[in-house]
PDB file of N, CA and C in Angstrom:
ATOM      1  N   MET A   1       0.850  -1.170   0.000  1.00  0.00           N
ATOM      2  CA  MET A   1       0.000   0.000   0.000  1.00  0.00           C
ATOM      3  C   MET A   1       0.902   1.243   0.000  1.00  0.00           C
ATOM      4  N   LYS A   2       0.518   2.220  -0.760  1.00  0.00           N
ATOM      5  CA  LYS A   2       1.310   3.436  -0.881  1.00  0.00           C
ATOM      6  C   LYS A   2       1.153   4.335   0.340  1.00  0.00           C
ATOM      7  N   PRO A   3       2.192   5.118   0.643  1.00  0.00           N
ATOM      8  CA  PRO A   3       2.117   6.016   1.804  1.00  0.00           C
ATOM      9  C   PRO A   3       0.973   7.029   1.712  1.00  0.00           C
ATOM     10  N   ILE A   4       0.648   7.478   0.507  1.00  0.00           N
ATOM     11  CA  ILE A   4      -0.439   8.469   0.364  1.00  0.00           C
ATOM     12  C   ILE A   4      -1.788   7.835   0.734  1.00  0.00           C
ATOM     13  N   MET A   5      -1.942   6.551   0.422  1.00  0.00           N
ATOM     14  CA  MET A   5      -3.187   5.868   0.786  1.00  0.00           C
ATOM     15  C   MET A   5      -3.253   5.635   2.298  1.00  0.00           C
ATOM     16  N   ILE A   6      -2.110   5.328   2.913  1.00  0.00           N
ATOM     17  CA  ILE A   6      -2.076   5.135   4.362  1.00  0.00           C
ATOM     18  C   ILE A   6      -2.433   6.444   5.066  1.00  0.00           C
ATOM     19  N   LEU A   7      -1.876   7.554   4.587  1.00  0.00           N
ATOM     20  CA  LEU A   7      -2.205   8.862   5.157  1.00  0.00           C
ATOM     21  C   LEU A   7      -3.693   9.152   4.994  1.00  0.00           C
ATOM     22  N   GLY A   8      -4.253   8.796   3.847  1.00  0.00           N
ATOM     23  CA  GLY A   8      -5.681   8.987   3.621  1.00  0.00           C
ATOM     24  C   GLY A   8      -6.529   8.180   4.591  1.00  0.00           C
ATOM     25  N   LEU A   9      -6.131   6.927   4.840  1.00  0.00           N
ATOM     26  CA  LEU A   9      -6.880   6.096   5.787  1.00  0.00           C
ATOM     27  C   LEU A   9      -6.777   6.638   7.213  1.00  0.00           C
ATOM     28  N   VAL A  10      -5.597   7.151   7.568  1.00  0.00           N
ATOM     29  CA  VAL A  10      -5.434   7.747   8.902  1.00  0.00           C
ATOM     30  C   VAL A  10      -6.322   8.983   9.041  1.00  0.00           C
ATOM     31  N   LEU A  11      -6.388   9.813   8.000  1.00  0.00           N
ATOM     32  CA  LEU A  11      -7.256  10.997   8.042  1.00  0.00           C
ATOM     33  C   LEU A  11      -8.732  10.610   8.137  1.00  0.00           C
ATOM     34  N   ILE A  12      -9.121   9.583   7.419  1.00  0.00           N
ATOM     35  CA  ILE A  12     -10.512   9.120   7.492  1.00  0.00           C
ATOM     36  C   ILE A  12     -10.835   8.639   8.907  1.00  0.00           C
ATOM     37  N   ALA A  13      -9.942   7.850   9.484  1.00  0.00           N
ATOM     38  CA  ALA A  13     -10.172   7.342  10.844  1.00  0.00           C
ATOM     39  C   ALA A  13     -10.222   8.482  11.853  1.00  0.00           C
ATOM     40  N   ALA A  14      -9.319   9.455  11.721  1.00  0.00           N
ATOM     41  CA  ALA A  14      -9.315  10.596  12.642  1.00  0.00           C
ATOM     42  C   ALA A  14     -10.580  11.436  12.470  1.00  0.00           C
ATOM     43  N   GLY A  15     -11.036  11.614  11.247  1.00  0.00           N
ATOM     44  CA  GLY A  15     -12.255  12.376  11.005  1.00  0.00           C
ATOM     45  C   GLY A  15     -13.487  11.699  11.574  1.00  0.00           C
ATOM     46  N   ILE A  16     -13.574  10.386  11.426  1.00  0.00           N
ATOM     47  CA  ILE A  16     -14.706   9.652  11.984  1.00  0.00           C
ATOM     48  C   ILE A  16     -14.667   9.705  13.510  1.00  0.00           C
ATOM     49  N   ALA A  17     -13.468   9.573  14.084  1.00  0.00           N
ATOM     50  CA  ALA A  17     -13.344   9.681  15.545  1.00  0.00           C
ATOM     51  C   ALA A  17     -13.754  11.079  16.010  1.00  0.00           C
ATOM     52  N   GLY A  18     -13.405  12.111  15.232  1.00  0.00           N
ATOM     53  CA  GLY A  18     -13.798  13.471  15.581  1.00  0.00           C
ATOM     54  C   GLY A  18     -15.305  13.682  15.515  1.00  0.00           C
ATOM     55  N   LEU A  19     -15.966  12.969  14.607  1.00  0.00           N
ATOM     56  CA  LEU A  19     -17.419  13.069  14.523  1.00  0.00           C
ATOM     57  C   LEU A  19     -18.097  12.326  15.676  1.00  0.00           C
ATOM     58  N   ILE A  20     -17.501  11.220  16.096  1.00  0.00           N
ATOM     59  CA  ILE A  20     -18.090  10.432  17.182  1.00  0.00           C
ATOM     60  C   ILE A  20     -17.870  11.125  18.532  1.00  0.00           C
ATOM     61  N   PHE A  21     -16.633  11.552  18.779  1.00  0.00           N
ATOM     62  CA  PHE A  21     -16.292  12.214  20.039  1.00  0.00           C
ATOM     63  C   PHE A  21     -16.170  13.708  19.767  1.00  0.00           C
ATOM     64  N   SER A  22     -17.125  14.485  20.207  1.00  0.00           N
ATOM     65  CA  SER A  22     -17.110  15.922  19.911  1.00  0.00           C
ATOM     66  C   SER A  22     -16.146  16.697  20.795  1.00  0.00           C
ATOM     67  N   ASN A  23     -15.691  16.067  21.893  1.00  0.00           N
ATOM     68  CA  ASN A  23     -14.696  16.725  22.741  1.00  0.00           C
ATOM     69  C   ASN A  23     -13.865  15.678  23.455  1.00  0.00           C
ATOM     70  N   ILE A  24     -12.700  16.109  23.899  1.00  0.00           N
ATOM     71  CA  ILE A  24     -11.805  15.262  24.682  1.00  0.00           C
ATOM     72  C   ILE A  24     -11.521  16.014  25.972  1.00  0.00           C
ATOM     73  N   SER A  25     -11.689  15.350  27.109  1.00  0.00           N
ATOM     74  CA  SER A  25     -11.426  16.024  28.378  1.00  0.00           C
ATOM     75  C   SER A  25     -10.599  15.122  29.281  1.00  0.00           C
ATOM     76  N   TRP A  26      -9.785  15.777  30.106  1.00  0.00           N
ATOM     77  CA  TRP A  26      -8.963  15.065  31.075  1.00  0.00           C
ATOM     78  C   TRP A  26      -8.771  15.937  32.302  1.00  0.00           C
ATOM     79  N   THR A  27      -8.408  15.301  33.403  1.00  0.00           N
ATOM     80  CA  THR A  27      -8.195  16.002  34.665  1.00  0.00           C
ATOM     81  C   THR A  27      -6.722  15.917  35.024  1.00  0.00           C
ATOM     82  N   GLU A  28      -6.155  17.055  35.377  1.00  0.00           N
ATOM     83  CA  GLU A  28      -4.744  17.141  35.740  1.00  0.00           C
ATOM     84  C   GLU A  28      -4.644  17.502  37.229  1.00  0.00           C
ATOM     85  N   THR A  29      -3.894  16.707  37.970  1.00  0.00           N
ATOM     86  CA  THR A  29      -3.703  16.944  39.401  1.00  0.00           C
ATOM     87  C   THR A  29      -2.319  17.538  39.626  1.00  0.00           C
ATOM     88  N   GLU A  30      -2.263  18.675  40.308  1.00  0.00           N
ATOM     89  CA  GLU A  30      -1.001  19.344  40.592  1.00  0.00           C
ATOM     90  C   GLU A  30      -0.908  19.631  42.091  1.00  0.00           C
ATOM     91  N   PRO A  31       0.295  19.496  42.652  1.00  0.00           N
ATOM     92  CA  PRO A  31       0.449  19.829  44.072  1.00  0.00           C
ATOM     93  C   PRO A  31       0.334  21.338  44.300  1.00  0.00           C
ATOM     94  N   LEU A  32      -0.436  21.718  45.288  1.00  0.00           N
ATOM     95  CA  LEU A  32      -0.628  23.121  45.608  1.00  0.00           C
ATOM     96  C   LEU A  32       0.262  23.527  46.775  1.00  0.00           C
ATOM     97  N   LEU A  33       0.379  22.638  47.766  1.00  0.00           N
ATOM     98  CA  LEU A  33       1.169  22.940  48.958  1.00  0.00           C
ATOM     99  C   LEU A  33       1.789  21.657  49.475  1.00  0.00           C
ATOM    100  N   LYS A  34       3.101  21.713  49.732  1.00  0.00           N
ATOM    101  CA  LYS A  34       3.797  20.586  50.335  1.00  0.00           C
ATOM    102  C   LYS A  34       4.461  21.092  51.610  1.00  0.00           C
ATOM    103  N   ALA A  35       4.041  20.562  52.743  1.00  0.00           N
ATOM    104  CA  ALA A  35       4.612  20.937  54.038  1.00  0.00           C
ATOM    105  C   ALA A  35       4.859  19.663  54.830  1.00  0.00           C
ATOM    106  N   GLY A  36       6.071  19.129  54.708  1.00  0.00           N
ATOM    107  CA  GLY A  36       6.404  17.887  55.393  1.00  0.00           C
ATOM    108  C   GLY A  36       5.574  16.752  54.842  1.00  0.00           C
ATOM    109  N   PRO A  37       4.908  15.994  55.711  1.00  0.00           N
ATOM    110  CA  PRO A  37       4.092  14.875  55.218  1.00  0.00           C
ATOM    111  C   PRO A  37       2.733  15.327  54.677  1.00  0.00           C
ATOM    112  N   LEU A  38       2.399  16.591  54.880  1.00  0.00           N
ATOM    113  CA  LEU A  38       1.106  17.123  54.436  1.00  0.00           C
ATOM    114  C   LEU A  38       1.230  17.641  53.004  1.00  0.00           C
ATOM    115  N   GLN A  39       0.300  17.253  52.174  1.00  0.00           N
ATOM    116  CA  GLN A  39       0.303  17.714  50.787  1.00  0.00           C
ATOM    117  C   GLN A  39      -1.129  18.033  50.377  1.00  0.00           C
ATOM    118  N   ILE A  40      -1.312  19.204  49.780  1.00  0.00           N
ATOM    119  CA  ILE A  40      -2.624  19.624  49.285  1.00  0.00           C
ATOM    120  C   ILE A  40      -2.525  19.704  47.763  1.00  0.00           C
ATOM    121  N   ASN A  41      -3.437  19.020  47.091  1.00  0.00           N
ATOM    122  CA  ASN A  41      -3.447  18.983  45.634  1.00  0.00           C
ATOM    123  C   ASN A  41      -4.638  19.758  45.089  1.00  0.00           C
ATOM    124  N   THR A  42      -4.489  20.183  43.853  1.00  0.00           N
ATOM    125  CA  THR A  42      -5.594  20.821  43.149  1.00  0.00           C
ATOM    126  C   THR A  42      -5.821  20.072  41.839  1.00  0.00           C
ATOM    127  N   GLU A  43      -7.064  19.952  41.456  1.00  0.00           N
ATOM    128  CA  GLU A  43      -7.408  19.285  40.205  1.00  0.00           C
ATOM    129  C   GLU A  43      -7.940  20.316  39.216  1.00  0.00           C
ATOM    130  N   GLU A  44      -7.420  20.239  38.001  1.00  0.00           N
ATOM    131  CA  GLU A  44      -7.847  21.155  36.950  1.00  0.00           C
ATOM    132  C   GLU A  44      -8.351  20.325  35.772  1.00  0.00           C
ATOM    133  N   LYS A  45      -9.572  20.601  35.346  1.00  0.00           N
ATOM    134  CA  LYS A  45     -10.169  19.858  34.240  1.00  0.00           C
ATOM    135  C   LYS A  45      -9.932  20.619  32.939  1.00  0.00           C
ATOM    136  N   HIS A  46      -9.468  19.899  31.933  1.00  0.00           N
ATOM    137  CA  HIS A  46      -9.207  20.476  30.610  1.00  0.00           C
ATOM    138  C   HIS A  46     -10.155  19.838  29.595  1.00  0.00           C
ATOM    139  N   THR A  47     -10.645  20.631  28.660  1.00  0.00           N
ATOM    140  CA  THR A  47     -11.521  20.134  27.601  1.00  0.00           C
ATOM    141  C   THR A  47     -11.088  20.743  26.274  1.00  0.00           C
ATOM    142  N   VAL A  48     -10.963  19.883  25.261  1.00  0.00           N
ATOM    143  CA  VAL A  48     -10.635  20.330  23.907  1.00  0.00           C
ATOM    144  C   VAL A  48     -11.822  19.964  23.025  1.00  0.00           C
ATOM    145  N   TRP A  49     -12.420  20.952  22.386  1.00  0.00           N
ATOM    146  CA  TRP A  49     -13.560  20.740  21.499  1.00  0.00           C
ATOM    147  C   TRP A  49     -13.068  20.463  20.092  1.00  0.00           C
ATOM    148  N   ILE A  50     -13.677  19.509  19.413  1.00  0.00           N
ATOM    149  CA  ILE A  50     -13.329  19.159  18.041  1.00  0.00           C
ATOM    150  C   ILE A  50     -14.445  19.684  17.143  1.00  0.00           C
ATOM    151  N   PRO A  51     -14.138  20.669  16.288  1.00  0.00           N
ATOM    152  CA  PRO A  51     -15.179  21.206  15.415  1.00  0.00           C
ATOM    153  C   PRO A  51     -15.662  20.167  14.400  1.00  0.00           C
ATOM    154  N   THR A  52     -16.964  20.132  14.171  1.00  0.00           N
ATOM    155  CA  THR A  52     -17.549  19.192  13.229  1.00  0.00           C
ATOM    156  C   THR A  52     -17.037  19.437  11.819  1.00  0.00           C
ATOM    157  N   ALA A  53     -16.866  20.694  11.453  1.00  0.00           N
ATOM    158  CA  ALA A  53     -16.382  21.021  10.107  1.00  0.00           C
ATOM    159  C   ALA A  53     -14.970  20.474   9.887  1.00  0.00           C
ATOM    160  N   ALA A  54     -14.127  20.505  10.910  1.00  0.00           N
ATOM    161  CA  ALA A  54     -12.769  19.974  10.782  1.00  0.00           C
ATOM    162  C   ALA A  54     -12.798  18.452  10.616  1.00  0.00           C
ATOM    163  N   ALA A  55     -13.689  17.786  11.321  1.00  0.00           N
ATOM    164  CA  ALA A  55     -13.804  16.332  11.196  1.00  0.00           C
ATOM    165  C   ALA A  55     -14.294  15.939   9.803  1.00  0.00           C
ATOM    166  N   ILE A  56     -15.269  16.666   9.282  1.00  0.00           N
ATOM    167  CA  ILE A  56     -15.773  16.391   7.931  1.00  0.00           C
ATOM    168  C   ILE A  56     -14.693  16.673   6.898  1.00  0.00           C
ATOM    169  N   ALA A  57     -13.943  17.749   7.084  1.00  0.00           N
ATOM    170  CA  ALA A  57     -12.858  18.075   6.161  1.00  0.00           C
ATOM    171  C   ALA A  57     -11.784  16.995   6.175  1.00  0.00           C
ATOM    172  N   ALA A  58     -11.488  16.426   7.340  1.00  0.00           N
ATOM    173  CA  ALA A  58     -10.497  15.352   7.432  1.00  0.00           C
ATOM    174  C   ALA A  58     -10.971  14.107   6.684  1.00  0.00           C
ATOM    175  N   VAL A  59     -12.245  13.773   6.813  1.00  0.00           N
ATOM    176  CA  VAL A  59     -12.780  12.606   6.100  1.00  0.00           C
ATOM    177  C   VAL A  59     -12.720  12.833   4.596  1.00  0.00           C
ATOM    178  N   LEU A  60     -13.119  14.001   4.139  1.00  0.00           N
ATOM    179  CA  LEU A  60     -13.097  14.293   2.697  1.00  0.00           C
ATOM    180  C   LEU A  60     -11.672  14.315   2.148  1.00  0.00           C
ATOM    181  N   ALA A  61     -10.742  14.907   2.894  1.00  0.00           N
ATOM    182  CA  ALA A  61      -9.347  14.937   2.459  1.00  0.00           C
ATOM    183  C   ALA A  61      -8.787  13.515   2.413  1.00  0.00           C
ATOM    184  N   GLY A  62      -9.146  12.694   3.394  1.00  0.00           N
ATOM    185  CA  GLY A  62      -8.693  11.305   3.401  1.00  0.00           C
ATOM    186  C   GLY A  62      -9.227  10.527   2.214  1.00  0.00           C
ATOM    187  N   LEU A  63     -10.497  10.724   1.900  1.00  0.00           N
ATOM    188  CA  LEU A  63     -11.065  10.060   0.717  1.00  0.00           C
ATOM    189  C   LEU A  63     -10.350  10.504  -0.554  1.00  0.00           C
ATOM    190  N   GLY A  64     -10.056  11.788  -0.641  1.00  0.00           N
ATOM    191  CA  GLY A  64      -9.326  12.291  -1.803  1.00  0.00           C
ATOM    192  C   GLY A  64      -7.942  11.671  -1.930  1.00  0.00           C
ATOM    193  N   LEU A  65      -7.250  11.510  -0.818  1.00  0.00           N
ATOM    194  CA  LEU A  65      -5.924  10.902  -0.855  1.00  0.00           C
ATOM    195  C   LEU A  65      -5.985   9.420  -1.213  1.00  0.00           C
ATOM    196  N   VAL A  66      -6.992   8.715  -0.725  1.00  0.00           N
ATOM    197  CA  VAL A  66      -7.135   7.295  -1.064  1.00  0.00           C
ATOM    198  C   VAL A  66      -7.395   7.138  -2.552  1.00  0.00           C
ATOM    199  N   PHE A  67      -8.296   7.945  -3.102  1.00  0.00           N
ATOM    200  CA  PHE A  67      -8.580   7.855  -4.537  1.00  0.00           C
ATOM    201  C   PHE A  67      -7.388   8.298  -5.382  1.00  0.00           C
ATOM    202  N   ALA A  68      -6.646   9.296  -4.922  1.00  0.00           N
ATOM    203  CA  ALA A  68      -5.452   9.733  -5.646  1.00  0.00           C
ATOM    204  C   ALA A  68      -4.392   8.644  -5.620  1.00  0.00           C
ATOM    205  N   GLY A  69      -4.287   7.928  -4.530  1.00  0.00           N
ATOM    206  CA  GLY A  69      -3.330   6.817  -4.451  1.00  0.00           C
ATOM    207  C   GLY A  69      -3.696   5.664  -5.351  1.00  0.00           C
ATOM    208  N   LYS A  70      -4.981   5.422  -5.527  1.00  0.00           N
ATOM    209  CA  LYS A  70      -5.428   4.350  -6.433  1.00  0.00           C
ATOM    210  C   LYS A  70      -5.203   4.727  -7.894  1.00  0.00           C
ATOM    211  N   ARG A  71      -5.343   6.006  -8.227  1.00  0.00           N
ATOM    212  CA  ARG A  71      -5.191   6.451  -9.601  1.00  0.00           C
ATOM    213  C   ARG A  71      -3.759   6.319 -10.098  1.00  0.00           C
ATOM    214  N   THR A  72      -2.802   6.544  -9.206  1.00  0.00           N
ATOM    215  CA  THR A  72      -1.403   6.500  -9.618  1.00  0.00           C
ATOM    216  C   THR A  72      -0.851   5.089  -9.624  1.00  0.00           C
ATOM    217  N   ALA A  73      -1.656   4.116  -9.243  1.00  0.00           N
ATOM    218  CA  ALA A  73      -1.175   2.718  -9.180  1.00  0.00           C
ATOM    219  C   ALA A  73      -1.004   2.118 -10.542  1.00  0.00           C
TER     220      ALA A  73
END
């Protein structure tokens, strides 16, 4: 399989994942205060939104790369 087709398949998979999961979130724990055996932590939640238009564009670009890879075969 050609590298351009592999890149196209990766873009298609990423675009479909972006359509299924509209956001990705995680929690980060950081130490706030350390005093001997006592430790106070703080948790911060992060969220990254995935635009629907970007996911659709990734799928279309991936399809274009797959078809372009087949044409040059």
